[in-house]
C-alpha cells in the first residue's frame, strides 16, 4: 500500500496487474483498494513493447517487463507512469480509456 500511495497518490485505480506467478501476492492490496488483480503470462507480457525493458527481468522471468507491460495490457491505454521502484516494489501505471482521469 505504501508503495502504491507513493507512486500514485490518491489517483483512482482500475486494476492491479502483474505476472501470473505473482498475482496472489497482490490480492490483499487489491481487496484493500477495491479492485481486481489482472494476471498475465510471461509470454503475454513479452509481446508488449515497453519504454524501459530490463535484460535482468527477461533472464529471470522470460519477459523484459512486468510492471509496464502488465499496466499496458490491463488498462489498454497509454503508459502514464513509467516503472518506478519503491522499497523493492516496481510500479507502473497506464490510463484506461474509460478511466475517471480521461
PDB file of N, CA and C in Angstrom:
ATOM      1  N   UNK A   1       0.824  -1.200   0.000  1.00  0.00           N
ATOM      2  CA  UNK A   1       0.000   0.000   0.000  1.00  0.00           C
ATOM      3  C   UNK A   1       0.863   1.257   0.000  1.00  0.00           C
ATOM      4  N   UNK A   2       1.922   1.247   0.795  1.00  0.00           N
ATOM      5  CA  UNK A   2       2.773   2.438   0.873  1.00  0.00           C
ATOM      6  C   UNK A   2       3.409   2.754  -0.477  1.00  0.00           C
ATOM      7  N   UNK A   3       3.870   1.725  -1.187  1.00  0.00           N
ATOM      8  CA  UNK A   3       4.489   1.942  -2.493  1.00  0.00           C
ATOM      9  C   UNK A   3       3.464   2.484  -3.488  1.00  0.00           C
ATOM     10  N   UNK A   4       2.258   1.932  -3.472  1.00  0.00           N
ATOM     11  CA  UNK A   4       1.196   2.440  -4.357  1.00  0.00           C
ATOM     12  C   UNK A   4       0.911   3.903  -4.079  1.00  0.00           C
ATOM     13  N   UNK A   5       0.756   4.230  -2.819  1.00  0.00           N
ATOM     14  CA  UNK A   5       0.465   5.624  -2.457  1.00  0.00           C
ATOM     15  C   UNK A   5       1.590   6.572  -2.866  1.00  0.00           C
ATOM     16  N   UNK A   6       2.824   6.114  -2.681  1.00  0.00           N
ATOM     17  CA  UNK A   6       3.953   6.975  -3.042  1.00  0.00           C
ATOM     18  C   UNK A   6       3.979   7.260  -4.540  1.00  0.00           C
ATOM     19  N   UNK A   7       3.693   6.266  -5.358  1.00  0.00           N
ATOM     20  CA  UNK A   7       3.747   6.438  -6.814  1.00  0.00           C
ATOM     21  C   UNK A   7       2.474   7.074  -7.362  1.00  0.00           C
ATOM     22  N   UNK A   8       1.315   6.635  -6.880  1.00  0.00           N
ATOM     23  CA  UNK A   8       0.047   7.075  -7.471  1.00  0.00           C
ATOM     24  C   UNK A   8      -0.691   8.142  -6.679  1.00  0.00           C
ATOM     25  N   UNK A   9      -0.294   8.372  -5.449  1.00  0.00           N
ATOM     26  CA  UNK A   9      -1.028   9.327  -4.630  1.00  0.00           C
ATOM     27  C   UNK A   9      -2.443   8.835  -4.421  1.00  0.00           C
ATOM     28  N   UNK A  10      -3.411   9.707  -4.626  1.00  0.00           N
ATOM     29  CA  UNK A  10      -4.812   9.315  -4.444  1.00  0.00           C
ATOM     30  C   UNK A  10      -5.536   9.110  -5.775  1.00  0.00           C
ATOM     31  N   UNK A  11      -4.776   8.924  -6.853  1.00  0.00           N
ATOM     32  CA  UNK A  11      -5.395   8.682  -8.162  1.00  0.00           C
ATOM     33  C   UNK A  11      -6.185   7.368  -8.122  1.00  0.00           C
ATOM     34  N   UNK A  12      -7.307   7.324  -8.805  1.00  0.00           N
ATOM     35  CA  UNK A  12      -8.099   6.081  -8.809  1.00  0.00           C
ATOM     36  C   UNK A  12      -7.371   4.966  -9.555  1.00  0.00           C
ATOM     37  N   UNK A  13      -7.628   3.747  -9.105  1.00  0.00           N
ATOM     38  CA  UNK A  13      -7.013   2.560  -9.695  1.00  0.00           C
ATOM     39  C   UNK A  13      -8.120   1.666 -10.227  1.00  0.00           C
ATOM     40  N   UNK A  14      -7.970   1.185 -11.450  1.00  0.00           N
ATOM     41  CA  UNK A  14      -8.972   0.285 -12.030  1.00  0.00           C
ATOM     42  C   UNK A  14      -8.612  -1.177 -11.775  1.00  0.00           C
ATOM     43  N   UNK A  15      -7.321  -1.502 -11.828  1.00  0.00           N
ATOM     44  CA  UNK A  15      -6.826  -2.873 -11.629  1.00  0.00           C
ATOM     45  C   UNK A  15      -5.433  -2.813 -11.027  1.00  0.00           C
ATOM     46  N   UNK A  16      -5.033  -3.896 -10.423  1.00  0.00           N
ATOM     47  CA  UNK A  16      -3.621  -4.159 -10.164  1.00  0.00           C
ATOM     48  C   UNK A  16      -3.260  -5.281 -11.130  1.00  0.00           C
ATOM     49  N   UNK A  17      -2.099  -5.202 -11.738  1.00  0.00           N
ATOM     50  CA  UNK A  17      -1.731  -6.200 -12.745  1.00  0.00           C
ATOM     51  C   UNK A  17      -0.292  -6.630 -12.557  1.00  0.00           C
ATOM     52  N   UNK A  18      -0.035  -7.897 -12.866  1.00  0.00           N
ATOM     53  CA  UNK A  18       1.300  -8.451 -12.712  1.00  0.00           C
ATOM     54  C   UNK A  18       1.436  -9.739 -13.503  1.00  0.00           C
ATOM     55  N   UNK A  19       2.572 -10.367 -13.359  1.00  0.00           N
ATOM     56  CA  UNK A  19       2.800 -11.674 -13.969  1.00  0.00           C
ATOM     57  C   UNK A  19       2.019 -12.725 -13.171  1.00  0.00           C
ATOM     58  N   UNK A  20       1.531 -13.735 -13.846  1.00  0.00           N
ATOM     59  CA  UNK A  20       0.649 -14.716 -13.211  1.00  0.00           C
ATOM     60  C   UNK A  20       1.219 -15.344 -11.947  1.00  0.00           C
ATOM     61  N   UNK A  21       2.513 -15.603 -11.938  1.00  0.00           N
ATOM     62  CA  UNK A  21       3.100 -16.273 -10.772  1.00  0.00           C
ATOM     63  C   UNK A  21       3.208 -15.381  -9.541  1.00  0.00           C
ATOM     64  N   UNK A  22       2.912 -14.089  -9.687  1.00  0.00           N
ATOM     65  CA  UNK A  22       2.956 -13.166  -8.550  1.00  0.00           C
ATOM     66  C   UNK A  22       1.579 -12.598  -8.190  1.00  0.00           C
ATOM     67  N   UNK A  23       0.562 -13.029  -8.882  1.00  0.00           N
ATOM     68  CA  UNK A  23      -0.780 -12.465  -8.686  1.00  0.00           C
ATOM     69  C   UNK A  23      -1.280 -12.610  -7.255  1.00  0.00           C
ATOM     70  N   UNK A  24      -1.031 -13.741  -6.655  1.00  0.00           N
ATOM     71  CA  UNK A  24      -1.529 -13.982  -5.297  1.00  0.00           C
ATOM     72  C   UNK A  24      -0.975 -12.954  -4.309  1.00  0.00           C
ATOM     73  N   UNK A  25       0.242 -12.493  -4.537  1.00  0.00           N
ATOM     74  CA  UNK A  25       0.865 -11.502  -3.660  1.00  0.00           C
ATOM     75  C   UNK A  25       0.106 -10.176  -3.651  1.00  0.00           C
ATOM     76  N   UNK A  26      -0.642  -9.896  -4.714  1.00  0.00           N
ATOM     77  CA  UNK A  26      -1.355  -8.619  -4.819  1.00  0.00           C
ATOM     78  C   UNK A  26      -2.796  -8.672  -4.325  1.00  0.00           C
ATOM     79  N   UNK A  27      -3.322  -9.837  -4.059  1.00  0.00           N
ATOM     80  CA  UNK A  27      -4.741  -9.962  -3.734  1.00  0.00           C
ATOM     81  C   UNK A  27      -5.152  -9.166  -2.492  1.00  0.00           C
ATOM     82  N   UNK A  28      -4.335  -9.151  -1.467  1.00  0.00           N
ATOM     83  CA  UNK A  28      -4.672  -8.399  -0.263  1.00  0.00           C
ATOM     84  C   UNK A  28      -4.728  -6.904  -0.511  1.00  0.00           C
ATOM     85  N   UNK A  29      -3.752  -6.387  -1.241  1.00  0.00           N
ATOM     86  CA  UNK A  29      -3.732  -4.965  -1.572  1.00  0.00           C
ATOM     87  C   UNK A  29      -4.915  -4.626  -2.475  1.00  0.00           C
ATOM     88  N   UNK A  30      -5.181  -5.487  -3.451  1.00  0.00           N
ATOM     89  CA  UNK A  30      -6.307  -5.256  -4.369  1.00  0.00           C
ATOM     90  C   UNK A  30      -7.621  -5.199  -3.600  1.00  0.00           C
ATOM     91  N   UNK A  31      -7.809  -6.106  -2.669  1.00  0.00           N
ATOM     92  CA  UNK A  31      -9.038  -6.107  -1.863  1.00  0.00           C
ATOM     93  C   UNK A  31      -9.130  -4.825  -1.043  1.00  0.00           C
ATOM     94  N   UNK A  32      -8.010  -4.370  -0.524  1.00  0.00           N
ATOM     95  CA  UNK A  32      -7.989  -3.155   0.294  1.00  0.00           C
ATOM     96  C   UNK A  32      -8.415  -1.924  -0.509  1.00  0.00           C
ATOM     97  N   UNK A  33      -8.013  -1.859  -1.777  1.00  0.00           N
ATOM     98  CA  UNK A  33      -8.381  -0.696  -2.599  1.00  0.00           C
ATOM     99  C   UNK A  33      -9.624  -0.950  -3.451  1.00  0.00           C
ATOM    100  N   UNK A  34     -10.190  -2.152  -3.353  1.00  0.00           N
ATOM    101  CA  UNK A  34     -11.452  -2.441  -4.029  1.00  0.00           C
ATOM    102  C   UNK A  34     -11.348  -2.686  -5.522  1.00  0.00           C
ATOM    103  N   UNK A  35     -10.259  -3.307  -5.955  1.00  0.00           N
ATOM    104  CA  UNK A  35     -10.097  -3.622  -7.377  1.00  0.00           C
ATOM    105  C   UNK A  35      -9.722  -5.087  -7.525  1.00  0.00           C
ATOM    106  N   UNK A  36      -9.736  -5.560  -8.754  1.00  0.00           N
ATOM    107  CA  UNK A  36      -9.330  -6.941  -9.011  1.00  0.00           C
ATOM    108  C   UNK A  36      -7.882  -6.974  -9.505  1.00  0.00           C
ATOM    109  N   UNK A  37      -7.329  -8.160  -9.493  1.00  0.00           N
ATOM    110  CA  UNK A  37      -5.974  -8.381  -9.993  1.00  0.00           C
ATOM    111  C   UNK A  37      -6.069  -8.982 -11.385  1.00  0.00           C
ATOM    112  N   UNK A  38      -5.353  -8.409 -12.324  1.00  0.00           N
ATOM    113  CA  UNK A  38      -5.236  -8.977 -13.669  1.00  0.00           C
ATOM    114  C   UNK A  38      -3.861  -9.610 -13.764  1.00  0.00           C
ATOM    115  N   UNK A  39      -3.817 -10.868 -14.181  1.00  0.00           N
ATOM    116  CA  UNK A  39      -2.559 -11.598 -14.266  1.00  0.00           C
ATOM    117  C   UNK A  39      -2.288 -12.020 -15.702  1.00  0.00           C
ATOM    118  N   UNK A  40      -1.041 -11.916 -16.099  1.00  0.00           N
ATOM    119  CA  UNK A  40      -0.635 -12.239 -17.461  1.00  0.00           C
ATOM    120  C   UNK A  40       0.555 -13.193 -17.433  1.00  0.00           C
ATOM    121  N   UNK A  41       0.632 -14.054 -18.431  1.00  0.00           N
ATOM    122  CA  UNK A  41       1.768 -14.956 -18.534  1.00  0.00           C
ATOM    123  C   UNK A  41       2.993 -14.179 -18.996  1.00  0.00           C
ATOM    124  N   UNK A  42       4.160 -14.775 -18.789  1.00  0.00           N
ATOM    125  CA  UNK A  42       5.391 -14.161 -19.269  1.00  0.00           C
ATOM    126  C   UNK A  42       5.348 -13.971 -20.782  1.00  0.00           C
ATOM    127  N   UNK A  43       4.765 -14.933 -21.487  1.00  0.00           N
ATOM    128  CA  UNK A  43       4.672 -14.831 -22.948  1.00  0.00           C
ATOM    129  C   UNK A  43       3.805 -13.642 -23.361  1.00  0.00           C
ATOM    130  N   UNK A  44       2.690 -13.423 -22.665  1.00  0.00           N
ATOM    131  CA  UNK A  44       1.829 -12.271 -22.969  1.00  0.00           C
ATOM    132  C   UNK A  44       2.573 -10.964 -22.703  1.00  0.00           C
ATOM    133  N   UNK A  45       3.249 -10.887 -21.579  1.00  0.00           N
ATOM    134  CA  UNK A  45       3.988  -9.674 -21.219  1.00  0.00           C
ATOM    135  C   UNK A  45       5.135  -9.420 -22.192  1.00  0.00           C
ATOM    136  N   UNK A  46       5.794 -10.473 -22.641  1.00  0.00           N
ATOM    137  CA  UNK A  46       6.945 -10.339 -23.537  1.00  0.00           C
ATOM    138  C   UNK A  46       6.572  -9.744 -24.890  1.00  0.00           C
ATOM    139  N   UNK A  47       5.324  -9.845 -25.278  1.00  0.00           N
ATOM    140  CA  UNK A  47       4.878  -9.311 -26.577  1.00  0.00           C
ATOM    141  C   UNK A  47       4.615  -7.803 -26.541  1.00  0.00           C
ATOM    142  N   UNK A  48       4.656  -7.202 -25.355  1.00  0.00           N
ATOM    143  CA  UNK A  48       4.332  -5.779 -25.217  1.00  0.00           C
ATOM    144  C   UNK A  48       5.597  -4.941 -25.346  1.00  0.00           C
ATOM    145  N   UNK A  49       5.537  -3.934 -26.201  1.00  0.00           N
ATOM    146  CA  UNK A  49       6.653  -3.003 -26.366  1.00  0.00           C
ATOM    147  C   UNK A  49       6.610  -2.002 -25.214  1.00  0.00           C
ATOM    148  N   UNK A  50       7.686  -1.929 -24.445  1.00  0.00           N
ATOM    149  CA  UNK A  50       7.744  -1.036 -23.291  1.00  0.00           C
ATOM    150  C   UNK A  50       8.937  -0.096 -23.416  1.00  0.00           C
ATOM    151  N   UNK A  51       8.872   1.070 -22.776  1.00  0.00           N
ATOM    152  CA  UNK A  51       9.986   2.020 -22.884  1.00  0.00           C
ATOM    153  C   UNK A  51      11.215   1.658 -22.053  1.00  0.00           C
ATOM    154  N   UNK A  52      11.035   0.821 -21.037  1.00  0.00           N
ATOM    155  CA  UNK A  52      12.143   0.527 -20.128  1.00  0.00           C
ATOM    156  C   UNK A  52      12.327  -0.970 -19.901  1.00  0.00           C
ATOM    157  N   UNK A  53      12.674  -1.716 -20.951  1.00  0.00           N
ATOM    158  CA  UNK A  53      12.872  -3.158 -20.779  1.00  0.00           C
ATOM    159  C   UNK A  53      14.097  -3.445 -19.918  1.00  0.00           C
ATOM    160  N   UNK A  54      14.097  -4.603 -19.285  1.00  0.00           N
ATOM    161  CA  UNK A  54      15.201  -4.999 -18.415  1.00  0.00           C
ATOM    162  C   UNK A  54      15.722  -6.367 -18.832  1.00  0.00           C
ATOM    163  N   UNK A  55      17.003  -6.433 -19.170  1.00  0.00           N
ATOM    164  CA  UNK A  55      17.622  -7.712 -19.521  1.00  0.00           C
ATOM    165  C   UNK A  55      17.605  -8.653 -18.321  1.00  0.00           C
ATOM    166  N   UNK A  56      17.787  -8.118 -17.141  1.00  0.00           N
ATOM    167  CA  UNK A  56      17.774  -8.936 -15.916  1.00  0.00           C
ATOM    168  C   UNK A  56      16.410  -9.582 -15.698  1.00  0.00           C
ATOM    169  N   UNK A  57      15.343  -8.810 -15.878  1.00  0.00           N
ATOM    170  CA  UNK A  57      13.989  -9.334 -15.736  1.00  0.00           C
ATOM    171  C   UNK A  57      13.711 -10.368 -16.816  1.00  0.00           C
ATOM    172  N   UNK A  58      14.171 -10.091 -18.030  1.00  0.00           N
ATOM    173  CA  UNK A  58      13.983 -11.029 -19.133  1.00  0.00           C
ATOM    174  C   UNK A  58      14.664 -12.368 -18.826  1.00  0.00           C
ATOM    175  N   UNK A  59      15.864 -12.305 -18.316  1.00  0.00           N
ATOM    176  CA  UNK A  59      16.605 -13.524 -17.989  1.00  0.00           C
ATOM    177  C   UNK A  59      15.920 -14.303 -16.860  1.00  0.00           C
ATOM    178  N   UNK A  60      15.409 -13.583 -15.864  1.00  0.00           N
ATOM    179  CA  UNK A  60      14.805 -14.243 -14.697  1.00  0.00           C
ATOM    180  C   UNK A  60      13.389 -14.750 -14.952  1.00  0.00           C
ATOM    181  N   UNK A  61      12.612 -13.994 -15.734  1.00  0.00           N
ATOM    182  CA  UNK A  61      11.183 -14.307 -15.864  1.00  0.00           C
ATOM    183  C   UNK A  61      10.724 -14.641 -17.272  1.00  0.00           C
ATOM    184  N   UNK A  62      11.575 -14.417 -18.259  1.00  0.00           N
ATOM    185  CA  UNK A  62      11.169 -14.690 -19.638  1.00  0.00           C
ATOM    186  C   UNK A  62      10.410 -13.556 -20.280  1.00  0.00           C
ATOM    187  N   UNK A  63      10.466 -12.382 -19.665  1.00  0.00           N
ATOM    188  CA  UNK A  63       9.871 -11.176 -20.230  1.00  0.00           C
ATOM    189  C   UNK A  63      10.713  -9.992 -19.771  1.00  0.00           C
ATOM    190  N   UNK A  64      10.931  -9.027 -20.641  1.00  0.00           N
ATOM    191  CA  UNK A  64      11.768  -7.877 -20.306  1.00  0.00           C
ATOM    192  C   UNK A  64      11.034  -6.848 -19.458  1.00  0.00           C
ATOM    193  N   UNK A  65       9.759  -7.069 -19.217  1.00  0.00           N
ATOM    194  CA  UNK A  65       8.988  -6.123 -18.399  1.00  0.00           C
ATOM    195  C   UNK A  65       7.831  -6.842 -17.736  1.00  0.00           C
ATOM    196  N   UNK A  66       7.603  -6.519 -16.491  1.00  0.00           N
ATOM    197  CA  UNK A  66       6.391  -6.968 -15.811  1.00  0.00           C
ATOM    198  C   UNK A  66       5.516  -5.752 -15.529  1.00  0.00           C
ATOM    199  N   UNK A  67       6.008  -4.780 -14.785  1.00  0.00           N
ATOM    200  CA  UNK A  67       5.184  -3.646 -14.358  1.00  0.00           C
ATOM    201  C   UNK A  67       4.603  -2.863 -15.547  1.00  0.00           C
ATOM    202  N   UNK A  68       5.462  -2.417 -16.447  1.00  0.00           N
ATOM    203  CA  UNK A  68       4.965  -1.612 -17.565  1.00  0.00           C
ATOM    204  C   UNK A  68       4.097  -2.437 -18.501  1.00  0.00           C
ATOM    205  N   UNK A  69       4.537  -3.641 -18.831  1.00  0.00           N
ATOM    206  CA  UNK A  69       3.763  -4.472 -19.754  1.00  0.00           C
ATOM    207  C   UNK A  69       2.410  -4.844 -19.156  1.00  0.00           C
ATOM    208  N   UNK A  70       2.379  -5.208 -17.873  1.00  0.00           N
ATOM    209  CA  UNK A  70       1.116  -5.568 -17.231  1.00  0.00           C
ATOM    210  C   UNK A  70       0.182  -4.366 -17.156  1.00  0.00           C
ATOM    211  N   UNK A  71       0.723  -3.194 -16.860  1.00  0.00           N
ATOM    212  CA  UNK A  71      -0.106  -1.981 -16.820  1.00  0.00           C
ATOM    213  C   UNK A  71      -0.724  -1.706 -18.183  1.00  0.00           C
ATOM    214  N   UNK A  72       0.088  -1.817 -19.231  1.00  0.00           N
ATOM    215  CA  UNK A  72      -0.412  -1.565 -20.583  1.00  0.00           C
ATOM    216  C   UNK A  72      -1.472  -2.580 -20.998  1.00  0.00           C
ATOM    217  N   UNK A  73      -1.258  -3.839 -20.690  1.00  0.00           N
ATOM    218  CA  UNK A  73      -2.242  -4.863 -21.049  1.00  0.00           C
ATOM    219  C   UNK A  73      -3.544  -4.697 -20.262  1.00  0.00           C
ATOM    220  N   UNK A  74      -3.444  -4.432 -18.978  1.00  0.00           N
ATOM    221  CA  UNK A  74      -4.636  -4.317 -18.139  1.00  0.00           C
ATOM    222  C   UNK A  74      -5.463  -3.088 -18.491  1.00  0.00           C
ATOM    223  N   UNK A  75      -4.793  -1.984 -18.740  1.00  0.00           N
ATOM    224  CA  UNK A  75      -5.517  -0.729 -18.985  1.00  0.00           C
ATOM    225  C   UNK A  75      -5.942  -0.560 -20.427  1.00  0.00           C
ATOM    226  N   UNK A  76      -5.198  -1.148 -21.362  1.00  0.00           N
ATOM    227  CA  UNK A  76      -5.457  -0.964 -22.789  1.00  0.00           C
ATOM    228  C   UNK A  76      -5.413   0.518 -23.157  1.00  0.00           C
ATOM    229  N   UNK A  77      -4.521   1.233 -22.515  1.00  0.00           N
ATOM    230  CA  UNK A  77      -4.338   2.659 -22.778  1.00  0.00           C
ATOM    231  C   UNK A  77      -2.870   3.006 -22.631  1.00  0.00           C
ATOM    232  N   UNK A  78      -2.518   4.274 -22.775  1.00  0.00           N
ATOM    233  CA  UNK A  78      -1.110   4.678 -22.756  1.00  0.00           C
ATOM    234  C   UNK A  78      -0.490   4.606 -21.359  1.00  0.00           C
ATOM    235  N   UNK A  79       0.804   4.359 -21.335  1.00  0.00           N
ATOM    236  CA  UNK A  79       1.559   4.369 -20.097  1.00  0.00           C
ATOM    237  C   UNK A  79       1.662   5.816 -19.620  1.00  0.00           C
ATOM    238  N   UNK A  80       1.259   6.089 -18.394  1.00  0.00           N
ATOM    239  CA  UNK A  80       1.319   7.449 -17.867  1.00  0.00           C
ATOM    240  C   UNK A  80       2.339   7.598 -16.740  1.00  0.00           C
ATOM    241  N   UNK A  81       2.712   6.481 -16.131  1.00  0.00           N
ATOM    242  CA  UNK A  81       3.776   6.487 -15.134  1.00  0.00           C
ATOM    243  C   UNK A  81       4.706   5.327 -15.466  1.00  0.00           C
ATOM    244  N   UNK A  82       5.901   5.625 -15.992  1.00  0.00           N
ATOM    245  CA  UNK A  82       6.858   4.561 -16.264  1.00  0.00           C
ATOM    246  C   UNK A  82       7.253   3.873 -14.962  1.00  0.00           C
ATOM    247  N   UNK A  83       7.845   2.711 -15.079  1.00  0.00           N
ATOM    248  CA  UNK A  83       8.165   1.932 -13.877  1.00  0.00           C
ATOM    249  C   UNK A  83       9.007   2.737 -12.893  1.00  0.00           C
ATOM    250  N   UNK A  84       8.607   2.582 -11.637  1.00  0.00           N
ATOM    251  CA  UNK A  84       9.332   3.169 -10.507  1.00  0.00           C
ATOM    252  C   UNK A  84       9.475   2.103  -9.445  1.00  0.00           C
ATOM    253  N   UNK A  85      10.605   2.076  -8.793  1.00  0.00           N
ATOM    254  CA  UNK A  85      10.828   1.098  -7.738  1.00  0.00           C
ATOM    255  C   UNK A  85      10.799   1.800  -6.387  1.00  0.00           C
ATOM    256  N   UNK A  86       9.952   1.286  -5.508  1.00  0.00           N
ATOM    257  CA  UNK A  86       9.820   1.808  -4.148  1.00  0.00           C
ATOM    258  C   UNK A  86       9.963   0.632  -3.202  1.00  0.00           C
ATOM    259  N   UNK A  87      11.001   0.661  -2.394  1.00  0.00           N
ATOM    260  CA  UNK A  87      11.248  -0.420  -1.434  1.00  0.00           C
ATOM    261  C   UNK A  87      11.210  -1.806  -2.091  1.00  0.00           C
ATOM    262  N   UNK A  88      11.790  -1.908  -3.284  1.00  0.00           N
ATOM    263  CA  UNK A  88      11.862  -3.183  -3.983  1.00  0.00           C
ATOM    264  C   UNK A  88      10.612  -3.562  -4.754  1.00  0.00           C
ATOM    265  N   UNK A  89       9.594  -2.712  -4.723  1.00  0.00           N
ATOM    266  CA  UNK A  89       8.344  -2.976  -5.440  1.00  0.00           C
ATOM    267  C   UNK A  89       8.320  -2.093  -6.684  1.00  0.00           C
ATOM    268  N   UNK A  90       8.143  -2.725  -7.843  1.00  0.00           N
ATOM    269  CA  UNK A  90       8.141  -1.980  -9.103  1.00  0.00           C
ATOM    270  C   UNK A  90       6.698  -1.690  -9.499  1.00  0.00           C
ATOM    271  N   UNK A  91       6.422  -0.421  -9.752  1.00  0.00           N
ATOM    272  CA  UNK A  91       5.064   0.026 -10.089  1.00  0.00           C
ATOM    273  C   UNK A  91       5.120   0.856 -11.362  1.00  0.00           C
ATOM    274  N   UNK A  92       4.138   0.642 -12.227  1.00  0.00           N
ATOM    275  CA  UNK A  92       3.933   1.462 -13.415  1.00  0.00           C
ATOM    276  C   UNK A  92       2.425   1.639 -13.557  1.00  0.00           C
ATOM    277  N   UNK A  93       2.004   2.647 -14.298  1.00  0.00           N
ATOM    278  CA  UNK A  93       0.566   2.873 -14.469  1.00  0.00           C
ATOM    279  C   UNK A  93       0.258   3.270 -15.901  1.00  0.00           C
ATOM    280  N   UNK A  94      -0.865   2.763 -16.372  1.00  0.00           N
ATOM    281  CA  UNK A  94      -1.369   3.118 -17.699  1.00  0.00           C
ATOM    282  C   UNK A  94      -2.797   3.619 -17.520  1.00  0.00           C
ATOM    283  N   UNK A  95      -3.228   4.443 -18.429  1.00  0.00           N
ATOM    284  CA  UNK A  95      -4.543   5.057 -18.354  1.00  0.00           C
ATOM    285  C   UNK A  95      -5.573   4.201 -19.106  1.00  0.00           C
ATOM    286  N   UNK A  96      -6.595   3.794 -18.392  1.00  0.00           N
ATOM    287  CA  UNK A  96      -7.673   3.023 -19.027  1.00  0.00           C
ATOM    288  C   UNK A  96      -8.556   3.994 -19.813  1.00  0.00           C
ATOM    289  N   UNK A  97      -9.030   3.601 -21.007  1.00  0.00           N
ATOM    290  CA  UNK A  97      -9.828   4.507 -21.839  1.00  0.00           C
ATOM    291  C   UNK A  97     -11.067   5.073 -21.137  1.00  0.00           C
ATOM    292  N   UNK A  98     -11.697   4.294 -20.267  1.00  0.00           N
ATOM    293  CA  UNK A  98     -12.881   4.790 -19.578  1.00  0.00           C
ATOM    294  C   UNK A  98     -12.571   5.201 -18.140  1.00  0.00           C
ATOM    295  N   UNK A  99     -11.321   5.554 -17.901  1.00  0.00           N
ATOM    296  CA  UNK A  99     -10.881   5.965 -16.576  1.00  0.00           C
ATOM    297  C   UNK A  99     -11.506   7.298 -16.192  1.00  0.00           C
ATOM    298  N   UNK A 100     -11.753   7.526 -14.908  1.00  0.00           N
ATOM    299  CA  UNK A 100     -12.243   8.833 -14.472  1.00  0.00           C
ATOM    300  C   UNK A 100     -11.224   9.939 -14.720  1.00  0.00           C
ATOM    301  N   UNK A 101      -9.990   9.591 -15.056  1.00  0.00           N
ATOM    302  CA  UNK A 101      -8.967  10.586 -15.305  1.00  0.00           C
ATOM    303  C   UNK A 101      -9.020  11.132 -16.722  1.00  0.00           C
ATOM    304  N   UNK A 102      -9.785  10.490 -17.614  1.00  0.00           N
ATOM    305  CA  UNK A 102      -9.818  10.948 -19.006  1.00  0.00           C
ATOM    306  C   UNK A 102     -10.857  12.013 -19.204  1.00  0.00           C
TER     307      UNK A 102
END
